[in-house]
N, C-alpha and C. Protein backbone atom coordinates (compact mmCIF):
# COMPACT_ATOMS: atom_id res chain seq x y z
N UNK A 1 -67.41 240.31 55.46
CA UNK A 1 -65.77 238.99 55.30
C UNK A 1 -65.53 238.57 56.98
N UNK A 2 -66.41 237.60 57.64
CA UNK A 2 -65.88 237.84 58.86
C UNK A 2 -64.71 236.76 59.00
N UNK A 3 -64.03 237.27 59.76
CA UNK A 3 -62.50 236.66 60.15
C UNK A 3 -61.82 236.16 58.77
N UNK A 4 -62.47 237.01 57.88
CA UNK A 4 -62.04 236.52 56.25
C UNK A 4 -62.46 235.75 55.54
N UNK A 5 -63.32 235.50 55.87
CA UNK A 5 -64.53 234.04 55.40
C UNK A 5 -65.32 235.14 54.05
N UNK A 6 -64.84 234.30 53.56
CA UNK A 6 -65.72 234.88 52.03
C UNK A 6 -67.29 234.13 52.10
N UNK A 7 -68.17 235.53 51.84
CA UNK A 7 -69.55 234.56 52.08
C UNK A 7 -70.02 234.44 50.37
N UNK A 8 -70.96 233.75 49.89
CA UNK A 8 -71.32 233.69 49.36
C UNK A 8 -73.02 234.65 48.41
N UNK A 9 -73.46 234.62 47.44
CA UNK A 9 -73.99 235.72 47.21
C UNK A 9 -75.66 235.49 47.66
N UNK A 10 -75.62 236.68 48.32
CA UNK A 10 -77.15 237.03 49.03
C UNK A 10 -77.09 236.59 50.68
N UNK A 11 -75.49 235.67 51.08
CA UNK A 11 -75.13 235.42 52.29
C UNK A 11 -74.92 236.42 52.62
N UNK A 12 -75.45 236.55 54.26
CA UNK A 12 -75.41 237.57 55.68
C UNK A 12 -74.56 237.26 56.64
N UNK A 13 -74.09 237.65 57.94
CA UNK A 13 -73.85 237.51 58.72
C UNK A 13 -75.07 237.54 59.64
N UNK A 14 -75.81 237.20 60.61
CA UNK A 14 -76.79 236.75 61.36
C UNK A 14 -76.58 237.15 62.68
N UNK A 15 -75.72 236.21 63.17
CA UNK A 15 -74.82 236.01 64.57
C UNK A 15 -73.47 235.77 64.42
N UNK A 16 -72.76 236.42 65.68
CA UNK A 16 -70.96 236.07 65.52
C UNK A 16 -71.15 235.88 66.89
N UNK A 17 -70.51 234.33 67.94
CA UNK A 17 -70.04 234.22 68.93
C UNK A 17 -68.53 233.68 69.03
N UNK A 18 -68.01 234.22 69.96
CA UNK A 18 -66.46 233.97 69.94
C UNK A 18 -66.63 232.67 71.19
N UNK A 19 -66.76 231.98 71.04
CA UNK A 19 -67.05 230.45 72.55
C UNK A 19 -66.24 229.64 72.27
N UNK A 20 -64.58 229.91 71.97
CA UNK A 20 -64.38 228.92 72.29
C UNK A 20 -62.70 229.83 72.83
N UNK A 21 -61.52 229.09 73.87
CA UNK A 21 -60.33 230.08 74.34
C UNK A 21 -59.66 229.04 74.14
N UNK A 22 -58.12 229.07 73.71
CA UNK A 22 -57.01 227.99 74.39
C UNK A 22 -56.39 228.94 74.82
N UNK A 23 -56.11 228.10 76.37
CA UNK A 23 -55.40 228.32 77.30
C UNK A 23 -53.59 228.43 77.30
N UNK A 24 -53.19 227.02 76.64
CA UNK A 24 -51.39 227.24 75.91
C UNK A 24 -51.35 227.81 75.08
N UNK A 25 -52.44 228.05 74.20
CA UNK A 25 -51.59 228.81 73.13
C UNK A 25 -52.42 230.17 72.53
N UNK A 26 -52.19 230.70 71.80
CA UNK A 26 -53.33 231.78 71.47
C UNK A 26 -53.85 231.46 70.59
N UNK A 27 -55.34 231.66 70.83
CA UNK A 27 -56.64 231.39 69.63
C UNK A 27 -57.62 231.20 69.85
N UNK A 28 -58.77 231.68 69.29
CA UNK A 28 -59.89 231.89 69.53
C UNK A 28 -60.79 230.54 68.95
N UNK A 29 -61.92 230.12 68.86
CA UNK A 29 -62.97 229.22 67.98
C UNK A 29 -64.14 230.08 68.31
N UNK A 30 -64.84 230.78 67.14
CA UNK A 30 -65.83 231.27 66.65
C UNK A 30 -67.48 230.76 66.09
N UNK A 31 -68.36 230.58 66.39
CA UNK A 31 -69.09 230.31 65.75
C UNK A 31 -70.13 231.22 64.92
N UNK A 32 -70.35 231.18 63.40
CA UNK A 32 -70.86 232.66 62.47
C UNK A 32 -71.78 231.30 62.19
N UNK A 33 -73.41 232.28 62.25
CA UNK A 33 -74.67 231.81 62.04
C UNK A 33 -75.14 232.55 60.60
N UNK A 34 -74.92 232.31 59.05
CA UNK A 34 -75.14 233.07 58.39
C UNK A 34 -76.75 232.74 58.00
N UNK A 35 -77.12 233.36 56.97
CA UNK A 35 -78.41 233.20 56.16
C UNK A 35 -78.24 231.89 55.18
N UNK A 36 -77.30 231.02 55.58
CA UNK A 36 -77.03 230.47 54.86
C UNK A 36 -76.35 228.99 55.07
N UNK A 37 -75.36 229.26 56.29
CA UNK A 37 -74.81 227.86 56.66
C UNK A 37 -74.86 228.55 58.52
N UNK A 38 -74.07 227.31 59.26
CA UNK A 38 -73.57 227.93 60.65
C UNK A 38 -72.22 227.84 60.03
N UNK A 39 -71.00 228.06 60.54
CA UNK A 39 -69.45 227.97 60.49
C UNK A 39 -69.13 228.13 61.78
N UNK A 40 -68.08 227.03 62.18
CA UNK A 40 -67.17 227.15 63.35
C UNK A 40 -65.72 227.30 62.81
N UNK A 41 -64.88 228.39 63.20
CA UNK A 41 -63.86 228.51 62.73
C UNK A 41 -62.76 229.03 63.79
N UNK A 42 -61.54 228.11 63.74
CA UNK A 42 -60.89 228.37 64.94
C UNK A 42 -59.61 228.84 64.23
N UNK A 43 -59.04 229.43 65.14
CA UNK A 43 -57.70 229.94 64.43
C UNK A 43 -56.61 229.88 65.86
N UNK A 44 -55.21 229.63 65.80
CA UNK A 44 -54.33 230.04 66.60
C UNK A 44 -53.25 230.02 66.16
N UNK A 45 -52.57 230.26 67.19
CA UNK A 45 -50.66 230.60 67.08
C UNK A 45 -50.14 229.66 68.36
N UNK A 46 -49.61 228.52 67.71
CA UNK A 46 -48.75 227.86 68.91
C UNK A 46 -47.05 227.67 68.61
N UNK A 47 -46.04 228.00 69.08
CA UNK A 47 -44.56 227.46 69.05
C UNK A 47 -44.67 228.18 67.56
N UNK A 48 -44.66 229.17 67.05
CA UNK A 48 -44.96 230.03 65.73
C UNK A 48 -45.51 229.37 64.50
N UNK A 49 -46.15 228.22 65.13
CA UNK A 49 -47.32 227.16 63.50
C UNK A 49 -48.46 228.32 63.95
N UNK A 50 -48.93 228.03 63.01
CA UNK A 50 -50.60 229.01 62.68
C UNK A 50 -51.00 227.67 62.29
N UNK A 51 -52.48 227.70 63.02
CA UNK A 51 -53.63 226.66 62.63
C UNK A 51 -55.04 227.24 62.33
N UNK A 52 -55.64 227.35 61.10
CA UNK A 52 -56.71 227.73 60.93
C UNK A 52 -57.80 226.76 60.61
N UNK A 53 -59.02 226.26 60.71
CA UNK A 53 -59.80 224.89 60.81
C UNK A 53 -60.55 225.72 60.61
N UNK A 54 -61.58 225.58 59.36
CA UNK A 54 -63.18 225.50 59.30
C UNK A 54 -64.01 224.58 58.68
N UNK A 55 -65.20 224.83 59.95
CA UNK A 55 -66.18 223.29 59.49
C UNK A 55 -67.64 224.54 59.73
N UNK A 56 -68.32 223.65 58.58
CA UNK A 56 -69.54 224.16 57.92
C UNK A 56 -70.91 223.28 57.98
N UNK A 57 -71.79 223.21 57.92
CA UNK A 57 -73.05 223.03 57.52
C UNK A 57 -74.12 223.98 57.09
N UNK A 58 -74.93 223.35 56.48
CA UNK A 58 -75.64 224.50 55.33
C UNK A 58 -77.42 223.93 56.68
N UNK A 59 -77.39 225.59 56.83
CA UNK A 59 -78.47 226.07 57.42
C UNK A 59 -79.78 225.00 57.54
N UNK A 60 -80.32 224.27 55.65
CA UNK A 60 -81.11 223.98 55.63
C UNK A 60 -81.06 222.38 56.31
N UNK A 61 -79.74 222.14 56.18
CA UNK A 61 -79.61 220.72 56.81
C UNK A 61 -79.37 220.80 58.31
N UNK A 62 -79.45 221.59 59.18
CA UNK A 62 -79.71 221.79 60.22
C UNK A 62 -81.11 220.81 61.01
N UNK A 63 -81.33 219.86 61.70
CA UNK A 63 -82.63 219.36 62.38
C UNK A 63 -82.13 219.31 63.98
N UNK A 64 -81.22 220.00 64.56
CA UNK A 64 -81.79 220.34 66.23
C UNK A 64 -80.12 220.69 66.47
N UNK A 65 -79.69 220.95 67.74
CA UNK A 65 -78.94 221.23 68.28
C UNK A 65 -78.99 220.75 70.04
N UNK A 66 -77.91 220.29 70.10
CA UNK A 66 -77.19 220.08 71.77
C UNK A 66 -75.87 220.41 72.40
N UNK A 67 -76.37 220.91 73.51
CA UNK A 67 -75.63 221.28 73.99
C UNK A 67 -75.29 221.32 75.41
N UNK A 68 -74.36 221.24 76.01
CA UNK A 68 -74.09 220.25 77.52
C UNK A 68 -72.29 221.21 77.50
N UNK A 69 -72.61 222.01 79.05
CA UNK A 69 -71.77 222.68 79.87
C UNK A 69 -71.59 221.99 81.11
N UNK A 70 -70.01 221.81 80.90
CA UNK A 70 -69.69 221.08 82.35
C UNK A 70 -68.69 221.09 82.40
N UNK A 71 -67.56 220.37 83.52
CA UNK A 71 -66.38 220.38 83.97
C UNK A 71 -65.84 219.05 84.25
N UNK A 72 -64.25 219.51 82.86
CA UNK A 72 -63.83 218.04 82.45
C UNK A 72 -62.83 218.03 83.29
N UNK A 73 -62.05 216.96 83.64
CA UNK A 73 -60.96 216.27 84.32
C UNK A 73 -59.67 215.94 83.41
N UNK A 74 -58.49 216.53 83.83
CA UNK A 74 -57.90 216.41 83.11
C UNK A 74 -56.96 215.09 84.04
N UNK A 75 -56.66 213.27 83.25
CA UNK A 75 -56.36 212.39 83.56
C UNK A 75 -55.02 212.53 84.12
N UNK A 76 -54.25 213.34 83.22
CA UNK A 76 -52.81 213.57 82.91
C UNK A 76 -52.41 214.50 84.44
N UNK A 77 -53.24 215.39 84.24
CA UNK A 77 -53.11 216.56 85.75
C UNK A 77 -53.38 215.81 86.64
N UNK A 78 -54.34 214.91 87.21
CA UNK A 78 -54.54 214.41 88.10
C UNK A 78 -53.47 213.15 88.78
N UNK A 79 -52.95 212.37 87.79
CA UNK A 79 -51.79 211.70 87.48
C UNK A 79 -50.38 212.51 88.27
N UNK A 80 -50.13 213.63 87.63
CA UNK A 80 -49.32 214.77 87.51
C UNK A 80 -48.93 214.80 89.50
N UNK A 81 -50.30 215.09 89.54
CA UNK A 81 -50.26 216.41 91.09
C UNK A 81 -50.67 214.69 92.54
N UNK A 82 -50.63 213.52 91.99
CA UNK A 82 -50.66 212.58 92.85
C UNK A 82 -49.06 212.14 93.63
N UNK A 83 -48.29 212.21 91.70
CA UNK A 83 -46.60 212.29 92.27
C UNK A 83 -46.30 212.96 92.80
N UNK A 84 -46.81 214.12 92.59
CA UNK A 84 -46.06 215.54 93.55
C UNK A 84 -46.63 215.49 94.74
N UNK A 85 -47.58 215.14 95.50
CA UNK A 85 -48.19 214.65 96.88
C UNK A 85 -47.74 213.81 97.27
N UNK A 86 -47.26 212.50 96.34
CA UNK A 86 -46.43 211.82 97.44
C UNK A 86 -45.11 212.09 97.46
N UNK A 87 -44.59 212.54 96.57
CA UNK A 87 -42.62 212.77 96.69
C UNK A 87 -42.94 214.05 97.61
N UNK A 88 -43.65 215.41 97.53
CA UNK A 88 -43.74 215.82 98.92
C UNK A 88 -43.56 215.42 100.28
N UNK A 89 -44.80 214.85 100.39
CA UNK A 89 -44.99 214.11 101.82
C UNK A 89 -43.97 213.41 102.23
N UNK A 90 -42.85 212.41 100.85
CA UNK A 90 -41.91 211.73 101.89
C UNK A 90 -40.93 212.94 101.96
N UNK A 91 -40.45 213.96 101.11
CA UNK A 91 -40.28 215.20 101.38
C UNK A 91 -39.84 215.60 102.80
N UNK A 92 -41.12 215.43 103.27
CA UNK A 92 -41.42 216.06 104.76
C UNK A 92 -41.07 214.98 105.73
N UNK A 93 -41.31 213.82 105.35
CA UNK A 93 -41.53 212.66 106.66
C UNK A 93 -39.95 211.84 106.61
N UNK A 94 -39.39 212.02 105.08
CA UNK A 94 -37.68 211.11 105.43
C UNK A 94 -36.87 211.75 106.54
N UNK A 95 -36.44 210.44 107.04
CA UNK A 95 -35.40 211.18 108.04
C UNK A 95 -33.74 211.17 106.80
N UNK A 96 -33.00 211.96 107.40
CA UNK A 96 -31.81 212.20 106.68
C UNK A 96 -31.10 211.90 107.69
N UNK A 97 -29.78 211.10 107.00
CA UNK A 97 -28.70 210.75 107.26
C UNK A 97 -27.81 211.15 108.01
N UNK A 98 -28.31 212.71 107.88
CA UNK A 98 -27.67 213.32 109.29
C UNK A 98 -28.61 213.83 110.44
N UNK A 99 -29.39 212.80 110.48
CA UNK A 99 -30.05 213.17 111.69
C UNK A 99 -31.15 213.99 111.94
N UNK A 100 -31.19 215.33 111.02
CA UNK A 100 -32.50 216.10 110.38
C UNK A 100 -34.04 214.95 110.55
N UNK A 101 -35.03 215.82 110.49
CA UNK A 101 -36.33 215.47 110.57
C UNK A 101 -36.64 215.51 109.11
N UNK A 102 -35.84 215.34 108.06
CA UNK A 102 -36.41 215.05 106.69
C UNK A 102 -36.51 216.63 105.99
N UNK A 103 -37.22 217.21 105.03
CA UNK A 103 -37.21 218.27 104.10
C UNK A 103 -38.59 218.91 104.36
N UNK A 104 -38.63 219.57 104.88
CA UNK A 104 -39.96 220.49 105.25
C UNK A 104 -40.06 221.73 104.55
N UNK A 105 -39.00 222.37 103.93
CA UNK A 105 -39.39 223.40 102.92
C UNK A 105 -39.80 222.93 101.61
N UNK A 106 -38.58 222.03 100.79
CA UNK A 106 -39.26 221.49 99.75
C UNK A 106 -40.30 220.73 99.59
N UNK A 107 -40.35 219.90 100.91
CA UNK A 107 -42.20 219.60 100.76
C UNK A 107 -43.28 220.08 100.67
N UNK A 108 -42.83 220.67 101.60
CA UNK A 108 -44.58 222.23 101.53
C UNK A 108 -44.45 222.64 100.15
N UNK A 109 -43.43 222.72 99.39
CA UNK A 109 -43.71 223.67 98.34
C UNK A 109 -44.37 222.82 97.02
N UNK A 110 -43.92 221.02 97.65
CA UNK A 110 -43.99 220.27 96.42
C UNK A 110 -45.50 220.27 96.54
N UNK A 111 -46.57 220.07 97.99
CA UNK A 111 -47.41 220.01 97.77
C UNK A 111 -48.55 221.42 97.81
N UNK A 112 -47.63 222.73 97.42
CA UNK A 112 -48.46 223.66 96.80
C UNK A 112 -48.43 223.37 95.52
N UNK A 113 -47.45 222.76 94.93
CA UNK A 113 -47.71 222.48 93.35
C UNK A 113 -48.68 222.13 92.89
N UNK A 114 -48.69 220.74 93.71
CA UNK A 114 -49.70 219.77 94.13
C UNK A 114 -51.11 220.57 93.62
N UNK A 115 -51.24 221.54 94.61
CA UNK A 115 -52.71 221.81 94.98
C UNK A 115 -53.48 223.03 93.87
N UNK A 116 -51.65 223.48 93.14
CA UNK A 116 -52.44 224.04 91.87
C UNK A 116 -52.45 223.24 90.69
N UNK A 117 -51.84 222.15 90.79
CA UNK A 117 -52.40 221.63 89.41
C UNK A 117 -53.45 220.46 89.73
N UNK A 118 -53.87 220.40 90.61
CA UNK A 118 -55.20 219.73 91.10
C UNK A 118 -56.12 220.92 90.40
N UNK A 119 -56.01 221.81 90.91
CA UNK A 119 -57.06 223.01 90.56
C UNK A 119 -57.07 222.93 89.36
N UNK A 120 -55.67 223.05 88.29
CA UNK A 120 -56.18 223.78 87.17
C UNK A 120 -56.20 222.17 86.41
N UNK A 121 -56.47 220.62 87.03
CA UNK A 121 -56.95 220.03 86.04
C UNK A 121 -58.26 219.86 85.86
N UNK A 122 -59.05 221.11 86.41
CA UNK A 122 -60.57 220.94 86.30
C UNK A 122 -60.39 222.26 85.43
N UNK A 123 -61.44 221.54 84.12
CA UNK A 123 -61.57 222.76 83.41
C UNK A 123 -63.16 222.67 82.99
N UNK A 124 -63.37 224.00 82.24
CA UNK A 124 -64.88 224.00 81.85
C UNK A 124 -64.99 223.56 80.60
N UNK A 125 -65.37 222.81 79.95
CA UNK A 125 -65.71 222.44 78.45
C UNK A 125 -67.15 222.69 78.09
N UNK A 126 -67.42 222.73 77.03
CA UNK A 126 -68.48 222.47 76.09
C UNK A 126 -68.70 221.62 74.95
N UNK A 127 -70.09 220.75 75.50
CA UNK A 127 -70.04 220.20 73.54
C UNK A 127 -71.32 220.38 73.07
N UNK A 128 -70.71 221.14 71.80
CA UNK A 128 -71.81 221.60 71.16
C UNK A 128 -71.90 220.94 69.82
N UNK A 129 -73.50 220.40 69.94
CA UNK A 129 -73.47 219.33 68.23
C UNK A 129 -74.92 220.26 67.66
N UNK A 130 -74.17 220.38 65.91
CA UNK A 130 -75.52 220.44 65.46
C UNK A 130 -75.39 219.23 64.55
N UNK A 131 -77.01 218.50 64.40
CA UNK A 131 -77.61 217.42 64.23
C UNK A 131 -77.90 218.20 62.51
N UNK A 132 -77.42 217.66 62.23
CA UNK A 132 -77.93 217.16 60.46
C UNK A 132 -78.82 216.25 59.87
N UNK A 133 -78.73 216.37 58.67
CA UNK A 133 -80.03 215.37 58.33
C UNK A 133 -79.34 213.55 58.10
N UNK A 134 -79.80 212.51 58.56
CA UNK A 134 -79.83 211.38 58.80
C UNK A 134 -78.86 211.25 57.00
N UNK A 135 -78.20 210.47 57.09
CA UNK A 135 -77.59 210.39 55.73
C UNK A 135 -76.68 211.07 55.27
N UNK A 136 -76.97 212.69 55.80
CA UNK A 136 -75.83 213.55 55.30
C UNK A 136 -74.55 213.55 55.94
N UNK A 137 -73.59 213.72 55.35
CA UNK A 137 -72.45 213.39 55.95
C UNK A 137 -71.53 214.81 56.37
N UNK A 138 -71.46 214.88 57.71
CA UNK A 138 -70.58 216.56 58.36
C UNK A 138 -69.58 215.55 59.00
N UNK A 139 -68.43 217.13 58.75
CA UNK A 139 -67.35 216.66 59.67
C UNK A 139 -67.51 216.87 61.24
N UNK A 140 -67.31 215.94 61.65
CA UNK A 140 -67.12 215.88 63.06
C UNK A 140 -65.47 216.41 63.89
N UNK A 141 -65.69 217.23 64.87
CA UNK A 141 -64.62 217.97 65.11
C UNK A 141 -64.94 218.39 66.81
N UNK A 142 -63.52 217.45 67.68
CA UNK A 142 -63.31 217.36 68.97
C UNK A 142 -62.24 218.56 68.74
N UNK A 143 -62.38 219.32 69.95
CA UNK A 143 -61.29 220.73 70.15
C UNK A 143 -61.34 220.98 71.85
N UNK A 144 -60.33 220.59 72.60
CA UNK A 144 -60.11 220.45 73.94
C UNK A 144 -58.54 220.98 73.84
N UNK A 145 -57.79 221.47 75.03
CA UNK A 145 -56.36 222.25 75.44
C UNK A 145 -55.65 221.16 74.85
N UNK A 146 -55.95 220.22 74.68
CA UNK A 146 -54.66 218.77 74.02
C UNK A 146 -54.56 218.84 72.91
N UNK A 147 -55.86 219.30 71.91
CA UNK A 147 -55.39 219.18 70.62
C UNK A 147 -57.00 218.70 69.86
N UNK A 148 -56.96 218.32 68.84
CA UNK A 148 -57.66 218.16 67.59
C UNK A 148 -58.17 217.05 67.43
N UNK A 149 -59.00 216.43 67.60
CA UNK A 149 -59.46 214.87 67.13
C UNK A 149 -60.39 214.89 65.76
N UNK A 150 -59.67 214.35 64.90
CA UNK A 150 -60.81 214.62 63.64
C UNK A 150 -61.27 212.88 62.95
N UNK A 151 -63.01 212.92 63.05
CA UNK A 151 -63.50 211.76 62.19
C UNK A 151 -64.50 211.95 61.66
N UNK A 152 -65.18 211.11 60.97
CA UNK A 152 -66.42 210.92 60.14
C UNK A 152 -67.57 210.67 61.48
N UNK A 153 -68.55 211.41 60.73
CA UNK A 153 -69.63 211.03 61.61
C UNK A 153 -70.73 211.69 60.43
N UNK A 154 -71.76 210.95 60.27
CA UNK A 154 -73.11 211.30 59.55
C UNK A 154 -74.22 211.86 59.93
N UNK A 155 -73.94 212.13 61.49
CA UNK A 155 -75.37 213.31 61.88
C UNK A 155 -75.11 213.96 62.20
N UNK A 156 -73.92 215.13 62.69
CA UNK A 156 -73.75 216.10 63.53
C UNK A 156 -72.32 216.08 63.38
N UNK A 157 -72.31 217.91 63.47
CA UNK A 157 -70.91 218.07 63.60
C UNK A 157 -70.61 218.68 64.97
N UNK A 158 -69.69 218.21 65.86
CA UNK A 158 -69.61 218.32 67.12
C UNK A 158 -68.50 219.21 67.50
N UNK A 159 -68.45 220.61 68.44
CA UNK A 159 -67.57 221.32 68.65
C UNK A 159 -67.22 221.11 70.34
N UNK A 160 -65.64 220.71 70.71
CA UNK A 160 -65.76 220.83 71.89
C UNK A 160 -64.72 221.64 72.23
N UNK A 161 -64.40 222.38 73.68
CA UNK A 161 -63.27 223.60 73.60
C UNK A 161 -63.77 224.06 75.29
N UNK A 162 -63.06 225.06 75.63
CA UNK A 162 -62.87 225.67 77.12
C UNK A 162 -64.00 226.75 76.57
N UNK A 163 -65.05 226.96 77.06
CA UNK A 163 -65.57 228.05 76.54
C UNK A 163 -65.27 229.52 76.88
N UNK A 164 -66.30 230.54 77.04
CA UNK A 164 -65.90 231.91 77.35
C UNK A 164 -67.20 232.60 77.61
N UNK A 165 -67.40 233.54 77.71
CA UNK A 165 -68.37 234.40 78.42
C UNK A 165 -69.94 234.18 77.15
N UNK A 166 -69.68 234.44 75.61
CA UNK A 166 -70.25 234.22 74.68
C UNK A 166 -70.85 233.01 74.63
N UNK A 167 -70.48 232.12 75.53
CA UNK A 167 -70.39 230.60 75.04
C UNK A 167 -72.12 230.71 75.33
N UNK A 168 -72.66 230.94 76.76
CA UNK A 168 -73.73 230.74 77.35
C UNK A 168 -74.71 231.44 76.48
N UNK A 169 -74.46 232.68 75.87
CA UNK A 169 -75.39 233.55 75.26
C UNK A 169 -75.64 232.48 73.94
N UNK A 170 -74.96 232.16 72.97
CA UNK A 170 -74.77 231.00 71.97
C UNK A 170 -76.00 230.06 72.35
N UNK A 171 -75.54 229.16 73.77
CA UNK A 171 -76.21 228.03 74.28
C UNK A 171 -77.55 228.36 74.40
N UNK A 172 -77.81 229.69 74.33
CA UNK A 172 -79.68 229.86 74.83
C UNK A 172 -80.45 230.28 73.53
N UNK A 173 -79.60 230.98 72.69
CA UNK A 173 -80.39 231.75 71.23
C UNK A 173 -80.01 230.91 70.17
N UNK A 174 -79.03 230.16 70.00
CA UNK A 174 -78.65 230.15 68.29
C UNK A 174 -79.72 228.73 67.83
N UNK A 175 -80.86 228.31 69.00
CA UNK A 175 -81.45 227.05 68.45
C UNK A 175 -82.64 227.99 67.65
N UNK A 176 -83.41 228.95 68.51
CA UNK A 176 -84.16 229.86 67.98
C UNK A 176 -83.91 230.27 66.51
N UNK A 177 -82.67 230.73 66.36
CA UNK A 177 -82.01 231.36 65.80
C UNK A 177 -81.94 231.02 64.30
N UNK A 178 -81.69 229.66 64.64
CA UNK A 178 -81.35 228.20 63.61
C UNK A 178 -83.17 228.56 62.47
N UNK A 179 -83.97 227.92 63.56
CA UNK A 179 -85.37 227.83 63.61
C UNK A 179 -85.76 229.03 62.88
N UNK A 180 -85.72 229.82 63.02
CA UNK A 180 -86.56 231.48 62.55
C UNK A 180 -86.02 231.60 61.23
N UNK A 181 -84.34 231.32 60.61
CA UNK A 181 -84.17 231.21 59.23
C UNK A 181 -84.13 230.52 58.97
N UNK A 182 -84.67 228.94 59.45
CA UNK A 182 -85.33 228.17 58.45
C UNK A 182 -86.82 228.67 58.43
N UNK A 183 -87.42 229.25 59.03
CA UNK A 183 -88.82 229.40 58.80
C UNK A 183 -89.17 230.41 58.19
N UNK A 184 -88.36 231.86 58.45
CA UNK A 184 -88.90 232.95 57.83
C UNK A 184 -87.84 233.52 56.83
N UNK A 185 -86.75 232.09 56.91
CA UNK A 185 -85.89 232.68 55.62
C UNK A 185 -85.08 234.17 56.24
N UNK A 186 -84.85 234.92 54.60
CA UNK A 186 -84.13 236.43 55.21
C UNK A 186 -85.00 237.32 56.15
N UNK A 187 -86.28 237.20 56.00
CA UNK A 187 -87.05 238.19 57.16
C UNK A 187 -86.04 238.20 58.55
N UNK A 188 -85.85 236.98 59.13
CA UNK A 188 -85.08 236.72 60.29
C UNK A 188 -83.78 238.07 60.63
N UNK A 189 -83.46 237.56 59.58
CA UNK A 189 -81.88 238.55 59.66
C UNK A 189 -82.10 239.85 60.62
N UNK A 190 -83.02 240.49 60.25
CA UNK A 190 -83.38 241.82 61.04
C UNK A 190 -83.57 242.01 62.38
N UNK A 191 -84.10 240.52 62.68
CA UNK A 191 -84.52 240.15 64.15
C UNK A 191 -83.43 240.06 64.92
N UNK A 192 -82.49 238.63 64.44
CA UNK A 192 -81.12 238.36 65.04
C UNK A 192 -80.60 239.42 65.17
N UNK A 193 -79.98 240.66 64.36
CA UNK A 193 -79.12 241.28 64.23
C UNK A 193 -78.75 242.48 65.13
């Protein structure tokens, strides 16, 4: 029972990847490939609340994968950075009513904080999609550091999050693993374990 998820009769775990990690809350996202299903399992703890989420698709219904690794930009982070930048420059250049040349130390602190916010606004993300049979409903899930959005999609299961070191490994081998399981059946289990 990986992560406490019950397996069906004759079902075995073939591969398990920890592919997503949260930064603001404790938790991770795993993709578990069995000889019957591909399961996405999310568990997180934030402000005393626990979240558990499972998405799955039958291995026979998978007709392809799509993976994109990229760096995303937080628009809120960029706006906050711009506000801090303007405020910091204003503090450094404003003339005080007592004849001084401004407030250089608070201005420099604001500029340093703005630079840190700008660096943190660029986050690595991964868009991973398992394409199912046309007309077969599957749950679409987009996960990022701001939260989770749910919607219905009739052709794919989509996962989006901050990747880990195991993410690249999964990108390179999950397509072949699923293909072998579909073609060879249980004979592929030993190969991929």
